[in-house]
Amino acid sequence: MIKIGVLGDIGSGKSFIAKQFDCPVFDADKEVSKIYKTDKSCYIKIKKRFPKFIKSRTIKKNELGNVIKANKNNLKKISDIVHPIVRKKMHNFLKNNKNKKMVVLDIPLIVENKLYNKNFHLIFVQSNRTEINKRLKKRPFYNKNIINGLRKSQSSLAYKKKISDFIIKNNFNLLTVKKRIKLIKKEILSERNSLRH
């Protein structure tokens, strides 16, 4: 199985790029949203840790934003609760897709949490920061504190770009992106075939 890890800034279009590979995608952000809505044990742990802030029956992003605003170190405390659950879900995803030729892992902290190895093909999504910020503000749960906190918790974009095998300049034009992905897939598959012979 070929594993592709998608790297880039928050809002650079990693999920948009991941979908264009036409293969199973593990979307960590979607998984986290599901965890916040349905995982009772996660809710209990976060509520117990931050009782002053968590008032709803499920975890709301605006409440987490207030937790991080109160103390930026709280982001790590939240991550320590949520990330082991995401990791477990990722392992299940890989197990369920073990017969697929290729899978994409769209995990914002894939580098920071060492969720990749030398067998991964890393793709860096490069986007214009002004365009990114414009797009982020349109998101329904846009929260500047969460965005800034997450950016600070991530490795530098220069480092992520340096360790990547491929770079996709994302101008959010579907045709251009699809062409670039087609070439990348072709290169990865031909490299894999040459290793077999």
Protein backbone atom coordinates (compact mmCIF):
# COMPACT_ATOMS: atom_id res chain seq x y z
CA MET A 1 0.00 0.00 0.00
CA ILE A 2 1.27 3.46 -0.93
CA LYS A 3 0.79 5.98 1.90
CA ILE A 4 0.64 9.66 1.08
CA GLY A 5 0.86 12.33 3.79
CA VAL A 6 -0.44 15.80 2.97
CA LEU A 7 1.35 18.74 4.66
CA GLY A 8 0.77 22.49 4.64
CA ASP A 9 -0.55 25.51 6.50
CA ILE A 10 -4.00 25.57 8.12
CA GLY A 11 -6.44 26.50 5.37
CA SER A 12 -3.97 25.82 2.52
CA GLY A 13 -6.42 23.34 0.97
CA LYS A 14 -4.96 20.03 2.21
CA SER A 15 -8.40 18.35 2.31
CA PHE A 16 -9.23 19.69 -1.16
CA ILE A 17 -5.94 18.24 -2.49
CA ALA A 18 -6.37 14.93 -0.62
CA LYS A 19 -9.79 14.33 -2.25
CA GLN A 20 -8.35 14.70 -5.76
CA PHE A 21 -6.24 11.53 -5.41
CA ASP A 22 -9.37 9.39 -5.91
CA CYS A 23 -8.46 6.94 -3.17
CA PRO A 24 -9.43 6.43 0.51
CA VAL A 25 -8.64 9.52 2.63
CA PHE A 26 -8.19 9.67 6.40
CA ASP A 27 -9.33 13.19 7.29
CA ALA A 28 -8.19 13.88 10.86
CA ASP A 29 -10.17 17.14 11.16
CA LYS A 30 -13.40 15.32 10.30
CA GLU A 31 -12.53 12.58 12.78
CA VAL A 32 -11.90 15.17 15.52
CA SER A 33 -15.29 16.79 14.81
CA LYS A 34 -16.93 13.34 15.16
CA ILE A 35 -15.03 12.71 18.41
CA TYR A 36 -16.25 16.05 19.83
CA LYS A 37 -19.84 15.18 18.92
CA THR A 38 -20.00 11.50 19.88
CA ASP A 39 -17.10 10.32 22.07
CA LYS A 40 -18.39 10.26 25.67
CA SER A 41 -15.05 9.43 27.32
CA CYS A 42 -13.32 12.31 25.49
CA TYR A 43 -16.13 14.68 26.55
CA ILE A 44 -15.85 13.57 30.20
CA LYS A 45 -12.04 14.04 30.23
CA ILE A 46 -12.19 17.52 28.64
CA LYS A 47 -15.12 18.62 30.84
CA LYS A 48 -13.27 17.37 33.95
CA ARG A 49 -10.09 19.24 32.90
CA PHE A 50 -11.91 22.50 31.98
CA PRO A 51 -15.22 22.57 33.94
CA LYS A 52 -15.47 26.39 33.85
CA PHE A 53 -15.50 26.45 30.04
CA ILE A 54 -17.35 23.34 28.84
CA LYS A 55 -21.05 24.05 29.36
CA SER A 56 -22.64 22.16 26.43
CA ARG A 57 -23.62 18.48 26.26
CA THR A 58 -21.11 17.98 23.44
CA ILE A 59 -17.79 19.74 22.93
CA LYS A 60 -18.22 22.98 20.99
CA LYS A 61 -15.34 24.60 19.10
CA ASN A 62 -16.14 28.08 20.45
CA GLU A 63 -15.84 26.73 24.02
CA LEU A 64 -12.46 25.18 23.18
CA GLY A 65 -11.48 28.56 21.70
CA ASN A 66 -12.17 30.15 25.09
CA VAL A 67 -10.12 27.42 26.83
CA ILE A 68 -7.13 28.23 24.57
CA LYS A 69 -7.67 32.00 24.92
CA ALA A 70 -7.50 31.64 28.72
CA ASN A 71 -4.13 29.88 28.50
CA LYS A 72 -2.31 28.89 25.31
CA ASN A 73 -0.82 25.84 27.11
CA ASN A 74 -4.34 24.41 27.28
CA LEU A 75 -4.06 23.48 23.59
CA LYS A 76 -1.51 20.82 24.49
CA LYS A 77 -3.76 19.51 27.29
CA ILE A 78 -6.65 19.16 24.82
CA SER A 79 -4.35 17.51 22.25
CA ASP A 80 -3.10 15.00 24.84
CA ILE A 81 -6.70 13.84 25.30
CA VAL A 82 -7.80 13.88 21.64
CA HIS A 83 -4.71 12.68 19.72
CA PRO A 84 -4.55 9.11 21.10
CA ILE A 85 -8.17 8.63 19.91
CA VAL A 86 -7.30 10.01 16.45
CA ARG A 87 -4.21 7.76 16.27
CA LYS A 88 -6.36 4.70 17.03
CA LYS A 89 -8.85 5.71 14.33
CA MET A 90 -5.97 6.15 11.86
CA HIS A 91 -4.69 2.62 12.59
CA ASN A 92 -8.21 1.25 12.04
CA PHE A 93 -8.43 3.15 8.75
CA LEU A 94 -5.12 1.65 7.55
CA LYS A 95 -6.22 -1.84 8.62
CA ASN A 96 -9.58 -1.49 6.81
CA ASN A 97 -7.84 -0.28 3.63
CA LYS A 98 -4.84 -2.62 3.64
CA ASN A 99 -5.79 -4.08 0.23
CA LYS A 100 -5.99 -0.67 -1.47
CA LYS A 101 -3.19 0.42 -3.79
CA MET A 102 -3.00 3.94 -2.30
CA VAL A 103 -4.33 5.90 0.68
CA VAL A 104 -4.03 9.56 1.69
CA LEU A 105 -3.54 10.75 5.26
CA ASP A 106 -4.76 14.30 5.79
CA ILE A 107 -3.51 14.84 9.36
CA PRO A 108 -2.47 18.39 10.39
CA LEU A 109 0.07 17.15 12.99
CA ILE A 110 1.42 14.17 11.01
CA VAL A 111 5.00 15.50 11.32
CA GLU A 112 4.78 16.76 14.91
CA ASN A 113 3.28 13.48 16.19
CA LYS A 114 5.66 11.35 14.09
CA LEU A 115 2.79 9.54 12.36
CA TYR A 116 4.81 8.95 9.19
CA ASN A 117 7.93 6.97 8.27
CA LYS A 118 10.37 6.67 5.37
CA ASN A 119 7.81 4.64 3.38
CA PHE A 120 5.47 7.63 3.16
CA HIS A 121 5.34 10.02 0.23
CA LEU A 122 4.96 13.52 1.68
CA ILE A 123 3.25 16.23 -0.34
CA PHE A 124 3.46 19.88 0.67
CA VAL A 125 0.53 22.11 -0.27
CA GLN A 126 1.73 25.66 -0.89
CA SER A 127 -0.81 28.49 -0.83
CA ASN A 128 -0.80 32.26 -0.58
CA ARG A 129 -1.13 33.29 3.13
CA THR A 130 -3.51 36.20 2.32
CA GLU A 131 -5.74 33.81 0.35
CA ILE A 132 -5.56 31.30 3.23
CA ASN A 133 -6.66 33.88 5.84
CA LYS A 134 -9.52 35.03 3.60
CA ARG A 135 -10.72 31.41 3.26
CA LEU A 136 -10.35 30.70 6.99
CA LYS A 137 -12.56 33.67 7.91
CA LYS A 138 -15.36 32.15 5.81
CA ARG A 139 -15.37 28.95 7.87
CA PRO A 140 -18.47 28.58 10.11
CA PHE A 141 -16.45 28.05 13.32
CA TYR A 142 -13.61 30.45 12.54
CA ASN A 143 -11.75 31.22 15.75
CA LYS A 144 -8.55 33.28 15.58
CA ASN A 145 -7.31 31.93 18.95
CA ILE A 146 -7.59 28.31 17.83
CA ILE A 147 -5.95 29.07 14.44
CA ASN A 148 -3.01 30.95 16.04
CA GLY A 149 -2.63 28.31 18.75
CA LEU A 150 -2.56 25.52 16.17
CA ARG A 151 -0.07 27.39 13.99
CA LYS A 152 2.28 27.82 16.95
CA SER A 153 2.04 24.13 17.83
CA GLN A 154 3.12 23.05 14.34
CA SER A 155 6.57 22.61 12.85
CA SER A 156 7.66 25.42 10.55
CA LEU A 157 6.28 25.40 7.02
CA ALA A 158 9.85 25.71 5.70
CA TYR A 159 10.77 22.45 7.47
CA LYS A 160 7.65 20.66 6.18
CA LYS A 161 8.42 21.84 2.66
CA LYS A 162 12.03 20.65 2.98
CA ILE A 163 11.10 17.09 4.02
CA SER A 164 8.38 16.74 1.35
CA ASP A 165 8.83 14.65 -1.80
CA PHE A 166 6.48 16.82 -3.87
CA ILE A 167 5.09 20.37 -3.77
CA ILE A 168 1.66 21.34 -5.06
CA LYS A 169 1.04 25.05 -5.58
CA ASN A 170 -2.62 25.30 -4.72
CA ASN A 171 -4.38 28.11 -6.54
CA PHE A 172 -7.74 26.36 -5.81
CA ASN A 173 -8.18 25.72 -9.54
CA LEU A 174 -9.47 22.17 -9.87
CA LEU A 175 -8.09 21.57 -13.36
CA THR A 176 -4.54 22.71 -12.51
CA VAL A 177 -4.53 20.69 -9.27
CA LYS A 178 -5.84 17.53 -10.96
CA LYS A 179 -3.10 17.76 -13.64
CA ARG A 180 -0.39 18.08 -10.99
CA ILE A 181 -1.81 15.19 -8.94
CA LYS A 182 -2.00 12.97 -12.03
CA LEU A 183 1.74 13.56 -12.63
CA ILE A 184 2.60 12.91 -8.96
CA LYS A 185 0.60 9.66 -8.89
CA LYS A 186 2.28 8.53 -12.11
CA GLU A 187 5.73 9.24 -10.64
CA ILE A 188 4.97 7.45 -7.35
CA LEU A 189 3.55 4.39 -9.14
CA SER A 190 6.44 4.16 -11.62
CA GLU A 191 8.93 4.47 -8.73
CA ARG A 192 7.11 1.66 -6.91
CA ASN A 193 7.15 -0.55 -10.01
CA SER A 194 10.87 0.05 -10.59
CA LEU A 195 11.61 -1.01 -6.99
CA ARG A 196 9.77 -4.27 -7.60
CA HIS A 197 11.92 -5.20 -10.64
